[in-house]
């Protein structure tokens, strides 16, 4: 047991050290990997408790019970009736789960449930920036459907069950192509084979201008100012967007991304042919979004899931609900 206490202390210290280094910015953390390892480790302790440690404690408790019965029988033969020994208390101390199992096997059911829900059903995210205003605001806590686009194995993100294909207009979470450890959220505006043009602040897909009409100005409470707002329809799905006529259409600072030859840049904007197995993403805050115009296409393998619901915004409870 002494060995298990030392081993568990080292394991917990390793997890705490990883989280601490991640929090301090010393390393680039991976929560999916951390949760997977926590599930495996606590699961091993849980099995050990069920198959080894708990049966061992039960045998020790039964041995105390048997010894107490034998001692009472001997005392009865000697005519001694009163015995000042609390056998039940001794058994309770022996059967009690030690701290190193409380912090491992005891947490396994909760960690396993979180791992399953987060990996295969729904994953929570927090909106960190204003690139999706007015659809999603900074501080929105959203849920992402992990199975709409197919079921993927956690950590390695390999698809094992096919699902629906992302459609134009979907709000999608994906791994940022230049740095896959980061998750981004944007709107799908181009699917494989599409030609997407964003020229003079107007979106065109396959030569067809996307229907856009003016909407009431949007008041940004953080900036304390109004912005021009429009309603756009992608494949019949309406959504709001912001567009600042004072900002030039020219895309400045586009990187050297994969399939960059599929894009043509000009002072009017950009035209891109979406390669197979990739998607063209744009933020709804069109002039304040680093998206596919700047860093390129999103590979199918980078897809995380479809965003569909705001489950909390501590600064504005009215935000709770579907944003479609």
C-alpha atoms as a PDB file:
ATOM      1  CA  UNK A   1       0.000   0.000   0.000  1.00  0.00           C
ATOM      2  CA  UNK A   2       2.902   2.328   0.680  1.00  0.00           C
ATOM      3  CA  UNK A   3       4.032   1.854  -2.918  1.00  0.00           C
ATOM      4  CA  UNK A   4       0.561   2.720  -4.234  1.00  0.00           C
ATOM      5  CA  UNK A   5       0.455   5.890  -2.141  1.00  0.00           C
ATOM      6  CA  UNK A   6       3.812   7.031  -3.554  1.00  0.00           C
ATOM      7  CA  UNK A   7       2.824   6.081  -7.114  1.00  0.00           C
ATOM      8  CA  UNK A   8      -0.504   7.916  -6.855  1.00  0.00           C
ATOM      9  CA  UNK A   9       1.184  11.000  -5.424  1.00  0.00           C
ATOM     10  CA  UNK A  10       3.562  11.055  -8.400  1.00  0.00           C
ATOM     11  CA  UNK A  11       0.699  10.600 -10.888  1.00  0.00           C
ATOM     12  CA  UNK A  12      -1.387  13.392  -9.344  1.00  0.00           C
ATOM     13  CA  UNK A  13       1.684  15.643  -9.181  1.00  0.00           C
ATOM     14  CA  UNK A  14       2.315  15.015 -12.894  1.00  0.00           C
ATOM     15  CA  UNK A  15      -1.259  16.001 -13.787  1.00  0.00           C
ATOM     16  CA  UNK A  16      -1.064  19.089 -11.561  1.00  0.00           C
ATOM     17  CA  UNK A  17       2.291  20.047 -13.065  1.00  0.00           C
ATOM     18  CA  UNK A  18       0.945  19.719 -16.607  1.00  0.00           C
ATOM     19  CA  UNK A  19      -2.096  21.867 -15.833  1.00  0.00           C
ATOM     20  CA  UNK A  20       0.032  24.424 -14.018  1.00  0.00           C
ATOM     21  CA  UNK A  21       2.554  24.699 -16.860  1.00  0.00           C
ATOM     22  CA  UNK A  22      -0.317  25.030 -19.327  1.00  0.00           C
ATOM     23  CA  UNK A  23      -1.949  27.758 -17.255  1.00  0.00           C
ATOM     24  CA  UNK A  24       1.338  29.665 -16.947  1.00  0.00           C
ATOM     25  CA  UNK A  25       1.918  29.429 -20.692  1.00  0.00           C
ATOM     26  CA  UNK A  26       5.073  27.320 -20.380  1.00  0.00           C
ATOM     27  CA  UNK A  27       3.616  24.598 -22.613  1.00  0.00           C
ATOM     28  CA  UNK A  28       0.850  24.304 -25.190  1.00  0.00           C
ATOM     29  CA  UNK A  29      -1.800  22.185 -23.497  1.00  0.00           C
ATOM     30  CA  UNK A  30      -4.137  19.665 -25.058  1.00  0.00           C
ATOM     31  CA  UNK A  31      -7.325  19.239 -23.033  1.00  0.00           C
ATOM     32  CA  UNK A  32      -8.574  16.285 -25.096  1.00  0.00           C
ATOM     33  CA  UNK A  33      -5.332  14.408 -24.414  1.00  0.00           C
ATOM     34  CA  UNK A  34      -5.416  15.368 -20.733  1.00  0.00           C
ATOM     35  CA  UNK A  35      -8.994  14.118 -20.356  1.00  0.00           C
ATOM     36  CA  UNK A  36      -8.185  10.890 -22.208  1.00  0.00           C
ATOM     37  CA  UNK A  37      -5.194  10.175 -19.956  1.00  0.00           C
ATOM     38  CA  UNK A  38      -7.247  11.009 -16.850  1.00  0.00           C
ATOM     39  CA  UNK A  39      -9.921   8.548 -17.996  1.00  0.00           C
ATOM     40  CA  UNK A  40      -7.375   5.792 -18.637  1.00  0.00           C
ATOM     41  CA  UNK A  41      -5.519   6.313 -15.337  1.00  0.00           C
ATOM     42  CA  UNK A  42      -8.616   6.579 -13.139  1.00  0.00           C
ATOM     43  CA  UNK A  43     -10.148   3.644 -15.026  1.00  0.00           C
ATOM     44  CA  UNK A  44      -7.110   1.498 -14.202  1.00  0.00           C
ATOM     45  CA  UNK A  45      -7.457   2.417 -10.519  1.00  0.00           C
ATOM     46  CA  UNK A  46     -11.202   1.724 -10.681  1.00  0.00           C
ATOM     47  CA  UNK A  47     -10.572  -1.764 -12.066  1.00  0.00           C
ATOM     48  CA  UNK A  48      -7.874  -2.319  -9.449  1.00  0.00           C
ATOM     49  CA  UNK A  49     -10.314  -1.320  -6.732  1.00  0.00           C
ATOM     50  CA  UNK A  50     -13.024  -3.670  -8.007  1.00  0.00           C
ATOM     51  CA  UNK A  51     -10.757  -6.648  -8.698  1.00  0.00           C
ATOM     52  CA  UNK A  52      -7.953  -6.353  -6.143  1.00  0.00           C
ATOM     53  CA  UNK A  53      -8.079  -3.704  -3.429  1.00  0.00           C
ATOM     54  CA  UNK A  54     -11.739  -3.947  -2.362  1.00  0.00           C
ATOM     55  CA  UNK A  55     -11.734  -7.802  -2.231  1.00  0.00           C
ATOM     56  CA  UNK A  56      -8.527  -7.615  -0.193  1.00  0.00           C
ATOM     57  CA  UNK A  57     -10.092  -5.205   2.312  1.00  0.00           C
ATOM     58  CA  UNK A  58     -13.205  -7.370   2.505  1.00  0.00           C
ATOM     59  CA  UNK A  59     -11.109 -10.444   3.273  1.00  0.00           C
ATOM     60  CA  UNK A  60      -9.291  -8.529   6.010  1.00  0.00           C
ATOM     61  CA  UNK A  61     -12.609  -7.343   7.464  1.00  0.00           C
ATOM     62  CA  UNK A  62     -13.993 -10.869   7.355  1.00  0.00           C
ATOM     63  CA  UNK A  63     -10.884 -12.144   9.115  1.00  0.00           C
ATOM     64  CA  UNK A  64     -11.497  -9.652  11.934  1.00  0.00           C
ATOM     65  CA  UNK A  65     -15.135 -10.778  12.131  1.00  0.00           C
ATOM     66  CA  UNK A  66     -14.114 -14.448  12.230  1.00  0.00           C
ATOM     67  CA  UNK A  67     -11.504 -13.771  14.903  1.00  0.00           C
ATOM     68  CA  UNK A  68     -14.052 -11.829  16.974  1.00  0.00           C
ATOM     69  CA  UNK A  69     -16.571 -14.688  16.732  1.00  0.00           C
ATOM     70  CA  UNK A  70     -13.934 -17.184  17.789  1.00  0.00           C
ATOM     71  CA  UNK A  71     -12.832 -14.976  20.700  1.00  0.00           C
ATOM     72  CA  UNK A  72     -16.432 -14.542  21.883  1.00  0.00           C
ATOM     73  CA  UNK A  73     -16.916 -18.311  21.788  1.00  0.00           C
ATOM     74  CA  UNK A  74     -13.798 -18.813  23.890  1.00  0.00           C
ATOM     75  CA  UNK A  75     -14.902 -16.169  26.398  1.00  0.00           C
ATOM     76  CA  UNK A  76     -18.369 -17.720  26.584  1.00  0.00           C
ATOM     77  CA  UNK A  77     -16.773 -21.037  27.532  1.00  0.00           C
ATOM     78  CA  UNK A  78     -14.886 -19.169  30.258  1.00  0.00           C
ATOM     79  CA  UNK A  79     -18.131 -17.600  31.507  1.00  0.00           C
ATOM     80  CA  UNK A  80     -17.187 -14.080  30.410  1.00  0.00           C
ATOM     81  CA  UNK A  81     -20.149 -12.276  28.846  1.00  0.00           C
ATOM     82  CA  UNK A  82     -18.987  -8.647  28.482  1.00  0.00           C
ATOM     83  CA  UNK A  83     -16.485  -7.834  25.715  1.00  0.00           C
ATOM     84  CA  UNK A  84     -15.267  -4.255  25.260  1.00  0.00           C
ATOM     85  CA  UNK A  85     -14.304  -4.589  21.573  1.00  0.00           C
ATOM     86  CA  UNK A  86     -16.110  -2.691  18.795  1.00  0.00           C
ATOM     87  CA  UNK A  87     -15.688  -5.057  15.864  1.00  0.00           C
ATOM     88  CA  UNK A  88     -17.903  -3.015  13.541  1.00  0.00           C
ATOM     89  CA  UNK A  89     -15.763   0.087  13.980  1.00  0.00           C
ATOM     90  CA  UNK A  90     -12.620  -1.887  13.190  1.00  0.00           C
ATOM     91  CA  UNK A  91     -14.279  -3.389  10.095  1.00  0.00           C
ATOM     92  CA  UNK A  92     -15.430   0.061   8.976  1.00  0.00           C
ATOM     93  CA  UNK A  93     -11.885   1.439   9.161  1.00  0.00           C
ATOM     94  CA  UNK A  94     -10.535  -1.477   7.139  1.00  0.00           C
ATOM     95  CA  UNK A  95     -13.266  -1.245   4.469  1.00  0.00           C
ATOM     96  CA  UNK A  96     -12.858   2.515   4.106  1.00  0.00           C
ATOM     97  CA  UNK A  97     -11.399   3.519   0.754  1.00  0.00           C
ATOM     98  CA  UNK A  98      -7.928   5.085   1.201  1.00  0.00           C
ATOM     99  CA  UNK A  99      -7.266   8.617  -0.061  1.00  0.00           C
ATOM    100  CA  UNK A 100      -5.288   7.476  -3.096  1.00  0.00           C
ATOM    101  CA  UNK A 101      -8.331   5.534  -4.330  1.00  0.00           C
ATOM    102  CA  UNK A 102     -10.747   8.368  -3.476  1.00  0.00           C
ATOM    103  CA  UNK A 103      -8.770  10.666  -5.804  1.00  0.00           C
ATOM    104  CA  UNK A 104      -8.538   8.139  -8.634  1.00  0.00           C
ATOM    105  CA  UNK A 105     -11.066   5.284  -8.704  1.00  0.00           C
ATOM    106  CA  UNK A 106     -13.638   7.472  -6.948  1.00  0.00           C
ATOM    107  CA  UNK A 107     -13.458  10.068  -9.748  1.00  0.00           C
ATOM    108  CA  UNK A 108     -13.538   7.603 -12.640  1.00  0.00           C
ATOM    109  CA  UNK A 109     -17.342   7.530 -13.234  1.00  0.00           C
ATOM    110  CA  UNK A 110     -17.511  11.334 -13.454  1.00  0.00           C
ATOM    111  CA  UNK A 111     -14.398  11.685 -15.630  1.00  0.00           C
ATOM    112  CA  UNK A 112     -15.541   8.847 -17.915  1.00  0.00           C
ATOM    113  CA  UNK A 113     -18.970  10.450 -18.365  1.00  0.00           C
ATOM    114  CA  UNK A 114     -17.411  13.829 -19.201  1.00  0.00           C
ATOM    115  CA  UNK A 115     -14.979  12.178 -21.602  1.00  0.00           C
ATOM    116  CA  UNK A 116     -17.770  10.338 -23.441  1.00  0.00           C
ATOM    117  CA  UNK A 117     -20.073  13.368 -23.655  1.00  0.00           C
ATOM    118  CA  UNK A 118     -17.300  15.730 -24.745  1.00  0.00           C
ATOM    119  CA  UNK A 119     -15.740  13.339 -27.245  1.00  0.00           C
ATOM    120  CA  UNK A 120     -18.812  11.949 -28.985  1.00  0.00           C
ATOM    121  CA  UNK A 121     -21.871  14.083 -28.218  1.00  0.00           C
ATOM    122  CA  UNK A 122     -21.497  17.737 -27.192  1.00  0.00           C
ATOM    123  CA  UNK A 123     -18.526  19.899 -26.339  1.00  0.00           C
ATOM    124  CA  UNK A 124     -18.693  23.340 -24.677  1.00  0.00           C
ATOM    125  CA  UNK A 125     -16.712  26.288 -26.006  1.00  0.00           C
ATOM    126  CA  UNK A 126     -16.329  29.916 -25.014  1.00  0.00           C
ATOM    127  CA  UNK A 127     -16.321  32.649 -27.670  1.00  0.00           C
ATOM    128  CA  UNK A 128     -13.065  34.570 -27.076  1.00  0.00           C
ATOM    129  CA  UNK A 129     -13.239  37.203 -29.818  1.00  0.00           C
ATOM    130  CA  UNK A 130     -15.673  39.315 -31.813  1.00  0.00           C
ATOM    131  CA  UNK A 131     -15.117  37.695 -35.213  1.00  0.00           C
ATOM    132  CA  UNK A 132     -18.628  36.164 -35.210  1.00  0.00           C
ATOM    133  CA  UNK A 133     -20.534  39.262 -34.052  1.00  0.00           C
ATOM    134  CA  UNK A 134     -23.511  39.715 -34.334  1.00  0.00           C
ATOM    135  CA  UNK A 135     -24.304  35.960 -34.368  1.00  0.00           C
ATOM    136  CA  UNK A 136     -22.062  35.159 -31.400  1.00  0.00           C
ATOM    137  CA  UNK A 137     -20.788  37.651 -28.850  1.00  0.00           C
ATOM    138  CA  UNK A 138     -17.648  37.660 -26.756  1.00  0.00           C
ATOM    139  CA  UNK A 139     -18.348  35.629 -23.616  1.00  0.00           C
ATOM    140  CA  UNK A 140     -21.024  33.391 -25.152  1.00  0.00           C
ATOM    141  CA  UNK A 141     -20.697  29.824 -23.890  1.00  0.00           C
ATOM    142  CA  UNK A 142     -21.805  27.563 -26.710  1.00  0.00           C
ATOM    143  CA  UNK A 143     -22.449  23.879 -27.326  1.00  0.00           C
ATOM    144  CA  UNK A 144     -20.985  22.082 -30.332  1.00  0.00           C
ATOM    145  CA  UNK A 145     -22.575  18.973 -31.810  1.00  0.00           C
ATOM    146  CA  UNK A 146     -19.764  16.413 -32.198  1.00  0.00           C
ATOM    147  CA  UNK A 147     -21.683  13.797 -34.232  1.00  0.00           C
ATOM    148  CA  UNK A 148     -23.502  15.821 -36.921  1.00  0.00           C
ATOM    149  CA  UNK A 149     -20.499  15.650 -39.260  1.00  0.00           C
ATOM    150  CA  UNK A 150     -19.576  12.091 -38.231  1.00  0.00           C
ATOM    151  CA  UNK A 151     -18.115  10.467 -35.129  1.00  0.00           C
ATOM    152  CA  UNK A 152     -14.377  10.916 -34.583  1.00  0.00           C
ATOM    153  CA  UNK A 153     -11.964   9.323 -32.180  1.00  0.00           C
ATOM    154  CA  UNK A 154     -10.787  11.751 -29.493  1.00  0.00           C
ATOM    155  CA  UNK A 155      -7.230  13.142 -29.534  1.00  0.00           C
ATOM    156  CA  UNK A 156      -6.335  11.789 -33.008  1.00  0.00           C
ATOM    157  CA  UNK A 157      -9.590  13.138 -34.540  1.00  0.00           C
ATOM    158  CA  UNK A 158      -9.942  10.191 -36.953  1.00  0.00           C
ATOM    159  CA  UNK A 159     -13.459   9.723 -38.320  1.00  0.00           C
ATOM    160  CA  UNK A 160     -14.936   6.289 -37.624  1.00  0.00           C
ATOM    161  CA  UNK A 161     -18.587   6.905 -38.563  1.00  0.00           C
ATOM    162  CA  UNK A 162     -19.703   9.056 -41.479  1.00  0.00           C
ATOM    163  CA  UNK A 163     -22.225  11.834 -40.941  1.00  0.00           C
ATOM    164  CA  UNK A 164     -23.630  14.841 -42.773  1.00  0.00           C
ATOM    165  CA  UNK A 165     -21.341  17.025 -44.825  1.00  0.00           C
ATOM    166  CA  UNK A 166     -20.886  20.632 -43.689  1.00  0.00           C
ATOM    167  CA  UNK A 167     -23.254  22.911 -45.595  1.00  0.00           C
ATOM    168  CA  UNK A 168     -22.966  26.553 -46.579  1.00  0.00           C
ATOM    169  CA  UNK A 169     -24.245  28.661 -43.721  1.00  0.00           C
ATOM    170  CA  UNK A 170     -23.245  26.242 -40.939  1.00  0.00           C
ATOM    171  CA  UNK A 171     -21.383  27.695 -37.963  1.00  0.00           C
ATOM    172  CA  UNK A 172     -18.511  25.282 -37.521  1.00  0.00           C
ATOM    173  CA  UNK A 173     -15.766  24.749 -34.952  1.00  0.00           C
ATOM    174  CA  UNK A 174     -12.496  23.454 -36.390  1.00  0.00           C
ATOM    175  CA  UNK A 175      -8.826  23.138 -35.610  1.00  0.00           C
ATOM    176  CA  UNK A 176      -7.013  26.247 -36.828  1.00  0.00           C
ATOM    177  CA  UNK A 177      -4.909  25.036 -39.800  1.00  0.00           C
ATOM    178  CA  UNK A 178      -1.735  27.045 -39.009  1.00  0.00           C
ATOM    179  CA  UNK A 179      -1.886  25.865 -35.357  1.00  0.00           C
ATOM    180  CA  UNK A 180      -4.127  22.786 -34.937  1.00  0.00           C
ATOM    181  CA  UNK A 181      -3.954  22.908 -31.131  1.00  0.00           C
ATOM    182  CA  UNK A 182      -6.256  25.959 -31.295  1.00  0.00           C
ATOM    183  CA  UNK A 183      -9.990  25.750 -31.993  1.00  0.00           C
ATOM    184  CA  UNK A 184     -11.593  28.397 -34.221  1.00  0.00           C
ATOM    185  CA  UNK A 185     -15.224  29.100 -35.032  1.00  0.00           C
ATOM    186  CA  UNK A 186     -16.427  30.590 -38.328  1.00  0.00           C
ATOM    187  CA  UNK A 187     -19.229  30.188 -40.853  1.00  0.00           C
ATOM    188  CA  UNK A 188     -18.973  27.840 -43.831  1.00  0.00           C
ATOM    189  CA  UNK A 189     -19.326  29.878 -47.022  1.00  0.00           C
ATOM    190  CA  UNK A 190     -17.661  27.495 -49.471  1.00  0.00           C
ATOM    191  CA  UNK A 191     -17.728  23.687 -49.736  1.00  0.00           C
ATOM    192  CA  UNK A 192     -15.438  21.474 -51.870  1.00  0.00           C
ATOM    193  CA  UNK A 193     -15.515  22.513 -55.520  1.00  0.00           C
ATOM    194  CA  UNK A 194     -17.067  25.953 -54.905  1.00  0.00           C
ATOM    195  CA  UNK A 195     -15.622  29.147 -56.304  1.00  0.00           C
ATOM    196  CA  UNK A 196     -15.957  31.761 -53.567  1.00  0.00           C
ATOM    197  CA  UNK A 197     -15.498  35.425 -54.380  1.00  0.00           C
ATOM    198  CA  UNK A 198     -15.501  38.248 -51.864  1.00  0.00           C
ATOM    199  CA  UNK A 199     -15.128  41.383 -53.942  1.00  0.00           C
ATOM    200  CA  UNK A 200     -16.014  44.906 -52.890  1.00  0.00           C
ATOM    201  CA  UNK A 201     -17.592  43.573 -49.711  1.00  0.00           C
ATOM    202  CA  UNK A 202     -20.028  41.302 -51.583  1.00  0.00           C
ATOM    203  CA  UNK A 203     -20.016  37.512 -51.377  1.00  0.00           C
ATOM    204  CA  UNK A 204     -20.502  35.439 -54.511  1.00  0.00           C
ATOM    205  CA  UNK A 205     -20.530  31.627 -54.680  1.00  0.00           C
ATOM    206  CA  UNK A 206     -20.152  29.869 -58.045  1.00  0.00           C
ATOM    207  CA  UNK A 207     -20.871  33.104 -59.857  1.00  0.00           C
ATOM    208  CA  UNK A 208     -24.122  33.724 -58.006  1.00  0.00           C
ATOM    209  CA  UNK A 209     -24.268  36.777 -55.708  1.00  0.00           C
ATOM    210  CA  UNK A 210     -25.511  35.846 -52.250  1.00  0.00           C
ATOM    211  CA  UNK A 211     -28.754  37.600 -51.371  1.00  0.00           C
ATOM    212  CA  UNK A 212     -28.013  40.430 -48.956  1.00  0.00           C
ATOM    213  CA  UNK A 213     -30.240  43.173 -47.556  1.00  0.00           C
ATOM    214  CA  UNK A 214     -29.774  45.965 -45.055  1.00  0.00           C
ATOM    215  CA  UNK A 215     -30.847  45.402 -41.445  1.00  0.00           C
ATOM    216  CA  UNK A 216     -31.093  47.795 -38.481  1.00  0.00           C
ATOM    217  CA  UNK A 217     -27.724  48.953 -37.207  1.00  0.00           C
ATOM    218  CA  UNK A 218     -26.114  46.759 -34.561  1.00  0.00           C
ATOM    219  CA  UNK A 219     -25.157  48.382 -31.244  1.00  0.00           C
ATOM    220  CA  UNK A 220     -21.964  46.915 -29.814  1.00  0.00           C
ATOM    221  CA  UNK A 221     -22.139  47.386 -26.039  1.00  0.00           C
ATOM    222  CA  UNK A 222     -18.397  46.779 -25.632  1.00  0.00           C
ATOM    223  CA  UNK A 223     -17.407  49.389 -28.208  1.00  0.00           C
ATOM    224  CA  UNK A 224     -20.411  51.633 -27.356  1.00  0.00           C
ATOM    225  CA  UNK A 225     -21.113  52.361 -31.000  1.00  0.00           C
ATOM    226  CA  UNK A 226     -23.356  51.320 -33.879  1.00  0.00           C
ATOM    227  CA  UNK A 227     -22.237  49.220 -36.859  1.00  0.00           C
ATOM    228  CA  UNK A 228     -23.808  48.621 -40.251  1.00  0.00           C
ATOM    229  CA  UNK A 229     -25.685  45.329 -40.175  1.00  0.00           C
ATOM    230  CA  UNK A 230     -26.959  43.188 -43.038  1.00  0.00           C
ATOM    231  CA  UNK A 231     -28.886  39.967 -43.482  1.00  0.00           C
ATOM    232  CA  UNK A 232     -27.361  37.403 -45.799  1.00  0.00           C
ATOM    233  CA  UNK A 233     -28.816  34.119 -47.036  1.00  0.00           C
ATOM    234  CA  UNK A 234     -26.557  31.152 -47.735  1.00  0.00           C
ATOM    235  CA  UNK A 235     -28.520  28.289 -49.299  1.00  0.00           C
ATOM    236  CA  UNK A 236     -31.681  29.762 -47.835  1.00  0.00           C
ATOM    237  CA  UNK A 237     -30.251  30.053 -44.297  1.00  0.00           C
ATOM    238  CA  UNK A 238     -30.467  33.681 -43.135  1.00  0.00           C
ATOM    239  CA  UNK A 239     -27.882  35.151 -40.791  1.00  0.00           C
ATOM    240  CA  UNK A 240     -26.771  38.618 -39.769  1.00  0.00           C
ATOM    241  CA  UNK A 241     -23.361  40.113 -40.494  1.00  0.00           C
ATOM    242  CA  UNK A 242     -21.485  43.350 -39.917  1.00  0.00           C
ATOM    243  CA  UNK A 243     -19.792  45.280 -42.696  1.00  0.00           C
ATOM    244  CA  UNK A 244     -17.943  48.551 -42.312  1.00  0.00           C
ATOM    245  CA  UNK A 245     -18.013  50.524 -45.593  1.00  0.00           C
ATOM    246  CA  UNK A 246     -15.041  52.590 -44.401  1.00  0.00           C
ATOM    247  CA  UNK A 247     -12.716  49.572 -44.359  1.00  0.00           C
ATOM    248  CA  UNK A 248     -11.108  48.746 -47.727  1.00  0.00           C
ATOM    249  CA  UNK A 249     -11.966  45.440 -49.445  1.00  0.00           C
ATOM    250  CA  UNK A 250      -8.293  44.609 -50.002  1.00  0.00           C
ATOM    251  CA  UNK A 251      -7.109  41.527 -48.046  1.00  0.00           C
ATOM    252  CA  UNK A 252      -3.895  42.566 -46.376  1.00  0.00           C
ATOM    253  CA  UNK A 253      -1.391  40.080 -44.976  1.00  0.00           C
ATOM    254  CA  UNK A 254      -2.563  36.783 -46.446  1.00  0.00           C
ATOM    255  CA  UNK A 255      -0.165  33.989 -45.520  1.00  0.00           C
ATOM    256  CA  UNK A 256       1.434  31.367 -47.752  1.00  0.00           C
ATOM    257  CA  UNK A 257      -1.085  28.594 -47.059  1.00  0.00           C
ATOM    258  CA  UNK A 258      -1.703  25.250 -48.761  1.00  0.00           C
ATOM    259  CA  UNK A 259      -3.497  25.575 -52.133  1.00  0.00           C
ATOM    260  CA  UNK A 260      -2.807  29.310 -52.196  1.00  0.00           C
ATOM    261  CA  UNK A 261      -2.567  29.010 -55.982  1.00  0.00           C
ATOM    262  CA  UNK A 262      -6.337  28.424 -55.913  1.00  0.00           C
ATOM    263  CA  UNK A 263      -6.810  32.062 -54.834  1.00  0.00           C
ATOM    264  CA  UNK A 264      -6.506  35.317 -56.744  1.00  0.00           C
ATOM    265  CA  UNK A 265      -6.018  38.492 -54.722  1.00  0.00           C
ATOM    266  CA  UNK A 266      -6.708  42.018 -55.961  1.00  0.00           C
ATOM    267  CA  UNK A 267      -7.532  45.447 -54.585  1.00  0.00           C
ATOM    268  CA  UNK A 268     -11.199  44.399 -54.756  1.00  0.00           C
ATOM    269  CA  UNK A 269     -10.764  41.349 -52.525  1.00  0.00           C
ATOM    270  CA  UNK A 270     -10.187  37.657 -53.229  1.00  0.00           C
ATOM    271  CA  UNK A 271     -11.515  34.820 -55.390  1.00  0.00           C
ATOM    272  CA  UNK A 272     -10.784  31.211 -54.324  1.00  0.00           C
ATOM    273  CA  UNK A 273     -11.531  27.786 -55.743  1.00  0.00           C
ATOM    274  CA  UNK A 274     -12.145  25.453 -52.790  1.00  0.00           C
ATOM    275  CA  UNK A 275     -10.133  22.207 -53.183  1.00  0.00           C
ATOM    276  CA  UNK A 276     -11.661  18.810 -52.554  1.00  0.00           C
ATOM    277  CA  UNK A 277     -11.824  17.835 -48.898  1.00  0.00           C
ATOM    278  CA  UNK A 278     -11.590  21.482 -47.761  1.00  0.00           C
ATOM    279  CA  UNK A 279     -13.882  24.324 -46.720  1.00  0.00           C
ATOM    280  CA  UNK A 280     -13.793  28.115 -47.010  1.00  0.00           C
ATOM    281  CA  UNK A 281     -14.673  29.847 -43.732  1.00  0.00           C
ATOM    282  CA  UNK A 282     -15.561  33.460 -42.950  1.00  0.00           C
ATOM    283  CA  UNK A 283     -16.524  35.333 -39.796  1.00  0.00           C
ATOM    284  CA  UNK A 284     -19.810  37.245 -39.641  1.00  0.00           C
ATOM    285  CA  UNK A 285     -17.916  40.329 -38.495  1.00  0.00           C
ATOM    286  CA  UNK A 286     -16.490  40.587 -41.975  1.00  0.00           C
ATOM    287  CA  UNK A 287     -13.978  43.384 -41.383  1.00  0.00           C
ATOM    288  CA  UNK A 288     -12.743  42.013 -38.056  1.00  0.00           C
ATOM    289  CA  UNK A 289     -12.197  38.345 -38.767  1.00  0.00           C
ATOM    290  CA  UNK A 290      -9.014  36.465 -39.595  1.00  0.00           C
ATOM    291  CA  UNK A 291     -10.473  33.680 -41.687  1.00  0.00           C
ATOM    292  CA  UNK A 292      -9.915  31.715 -44.894  1.00  0.00           C
ATOM    293  CA  UNK A 293      -9.216  34.942 -46.751  1.00  0.00           C
ATOM    294  CA  UNK A 294      -5.997  35.217 -44.738  1.00  0.00           C
ATOM    295  CA  UNK A 295      -4.861  31.701 -43.768  1.00  0.00           C
ATOM    296  CA  UNK A 296      -6.559  29.447 -46.304  1.00  0.00           C
ATOM    297  CA  UNK A 297      -8.839  26.445 -46.404  1.00  0.00           C
ATOM    298  CA  UNK A 298      -9.933  24.141 -43.569  1.00  0.00           C
ATOM    299  CA  UNK A 299      -9.197  20.440 -44.232  1.00  0.00           C
ATOM    300  CA  UNK A 300     -11.975  17.971 -43.509  1.00  0.00           C
ATOM    301  CA  UNK A 301      -9.716  16.300 -40.932  1.00  0.00           C
ATOM    302  CA  UNK A 302      -9.690  19.522 -38.859  1.00  0.00           C
ATOM    303  CA  UNK A 303     -13.461  19.605 -38.299  1.00  0.00           C
ATOM    304  CA  UNK A 304     -14.555  19.506 -34.643  1.00  0.00           C
ATOM    305  CA  UNK A 305     -18.314  19.956 -34.899  1.00  0.00           C
ATOM    306  CA  UNK A 306     -21.317  22.176 -35.576  1.00  0.00           C
ATOM    307  CA  UNK A 307     -22.113  24.995 -33.151  1.00  0.00           C
ATOM    308  CA  UNK A 308     -25.825  25.292 -32.442  1.00  0.00           C
ATOM    309  CA  UNK A 309     -26.688  26.655 -28.993  1.00  0.00           C
ATOM    310  CA  UNK A 310     -25.670  29.355 -26.484  1.00  0.00           C
ATOM    311  CA  UNK A 311     -26.076  27.741 -23.080  1.00  0.00           C
ATOM    312  CA  UNK A 312     -24.832  30.681 -21.001  1.00  0.00           C
ATOM    313  CA  UNK A 313     -23.560  34.232 -21.108  1.00  0.00           C
ATOM    314  CA  UNK A 314     -22.970  35.504 -17.590  1.00  0.00           C
ATOM    315  CA  UNK A 315     -23.137  39.109 -18.747  1.00  0.00           C
ATOM    316  CA  UNK A 316     -26.377  38.712 -20.679  1.00  0.00           C
ATOM    317  CA  UNK A 317     -28.750  35.872 -19.809  1.00  0.00           C
ATOM    318  CA  UNK A 318     -30.994  36.790 -22.753  1.00  0.00           C
ATOM    319  CA  UNK A 319     -28.323  35.301 -25.009  1.00  0.00           C
ATOM    320  CA  UNK A 320     -29.259  31.758 -23.940  1.00  0.00           C
ATOM    321  CA  UNK A 321     -30.836  29.778 -26.758  1.00  0.00           C
ATOM    322  CA  UNK A 322     -30.363  28.731 -30.357  1.00  0.00           C
ATOM    323  CA  UNK A 323     -28.675  31.288 -32.604  1.00  0.00           C
ATOM    324  CA  UNK A 324     -29.990  29.913 -35.913  1.00  0.00           C
END
